[in-house]
């Protein structure tokens, strides 16, 4: 495997989006975006956001750990080939 393929493994991880957070909270994505803002147009965070964000972070971390394992296997294979 070359650098391009290894980078694709890493960069292929989907980020968590405002849409995903909104769906889990039963809110509109615009509400989530406004809750992230500062200033007079900002909104309060939806109730129960803590558990939802923690769950999404855990799922994202699991995906990242799978990517790390893949990249470590590739690194080991490359060391054997050289």
Protein backbone atom coordinates (compact mmCIF):
# COMPACT_ATOMS: atom_id res chain seq x y z
CA UNK A 1 0.00 0.00 0.00
CA UNK A 2 1.26 3.46 -0.85
CA UNK A 3 0.83 6.84 0.84
CA UNK A 4 -2.26 7.73 -1.18
CA UNK A 5 -4.08 4.56 -0.14
CA UNK A 6 -3.05 5.00 3.50
CA UNK A 7 -4.19 8.63 3.48
CA UNK A 8 -7.55 7.53 2.03
CA UNK A 9 -8.01 5.17 4.98
CA UNK A 10 -7.46 8.06 7.37
CA UNK A 11 -9.37 10.71 5.45
CA UNK A 12 -12.30 8.40 4.76
CA UNK A 13 -13.58 8.85 8.31
CA UNK A 14 -16.89 10.68 8.22
CA UNK A 15 -17.11 13.59 10.67
CA UNK A 16 -20.08 14.06 12.96
CA UNK A 17 -22.37 16.72 11.44
CA UNK A 18 -24.89 19.20 12.79
CA UNK A 19 -27.50 17.24 10.83
CA UNK A 20 -26.63 14.04 12.68
CA UNK A 21 -26.78 15.80 16.06
CA UNK A 22 -30.11 17.39 15.11
CA UNK A 23 -31.62 14.07 14.05
CA UNK A 24 -30.63 12.42 17.31
CA UNK A 25 -32.10 15.30 19.31
CA UNK A 26 -35.25 15.56 17.20
CA UNK A 27 -34.38 19.13 16.24
CA UNK A 28 -33.82 21.07 13.04
CA UNK A 29 -30.14 21.36 11.97
CA UNK A 30 -30.55 25.15 11.99
CA UNK A 31 -31.35 24.96 15.71
CA UNK A 32 -28.10 23.09 16.32
CA UNK A 33 -26.09 25.59 14.29
CA UNK A 34 -27.62 28.48 16.23
CA UNK A 35 -26.93 26.76 19.55
CA UNK A 36 -23.25 26.71 18.57
CA UNK A 37 -23.21 30.46 17.94
CA UNK A 38 -22.35 33.30 20.26
CA UNK A 39 -24.17 36.59 20.42
CA UNK A 40 -27.76 37.78 20.19
CA UNK A 41 -28.84 35.24 17.55
CA UNK A 42 -27.61 32.24 19.51
CA UNK A 43 -29.98 29.67 20.95
CA UNK A 44 -29.69 27.54 24.06
CA UNK A 45 -28.49 23.98 23.63
CA UNK A 46 -31.33 21.46 23.37
CA UNK A 47 -32.17 19.47 26.48
CA UNK A 48 -30.40 16.12 26.64
CA UNK A 49 -27.58 17.20 24.37
CA UNK A 50 -24.88 15.81 26.66
CA UNK A 51 -25.83 12.14 26.25
CA UNK A 52 -26.36 12.49 22.50
CA UNK A 53 -23.02 14.21 21.91
CA UNK A 54 -21.21 11.66 24.09
CA UNK A 55 -22.80 8.78 22.16
CA UNK A 56 -21.90 10.29 18.78
CA UNK A 57 -18.35 10.96 19.98
CA UNK A 58 -18.03 7.35 21.10
CA UNK A 59 -19.23 6.06 17.72
CA UNK A 60 -16.79 8.40 15.96
CA UNK A 61 -13.97 7.26 18.24
CA UNK A 62 -14.78 3.61 17.42
CA UNK A 63 -14.50 4.37 13.71
CA UNK A 64 -11.21 6.21 14.27
CA UNK A 65 -9.87 3.25 16.26
CA UNK A 66 -10.70 0.93 13.34
CA UNK A 67 -8.81 3.30 11.04
CA UNK A 68 -5.83 3.35 13.41
CA UNK A 69 -5.77 -0.45 13.47
CA UNK A 70 -5.85 -0.55 9.66
CA UNK A 71 -3.02 1.94 9.38
CA UNK A 72 -0.93 0.07 11.96
CA UNK A 73 -1.40 -3.17 10.00
CA UNK A 74 -0.32 -1.39 6.84
CA UNK A 75 2.73 0.03 8.58
CA UNK A 76 3.70 -3.44 9.79
CA UNK A 77 3.26 -4.85 6.27
CA UNK A 78 5.41 -2.09 4.79
CA UNK A 79 8.18 -2.78 7.30
CA UNK A 80 8.18 -6.45 6.32
CA UNK A 81 8.35 -5.58 2.60
CA UNK A 82 11.44 -3.33 3.00
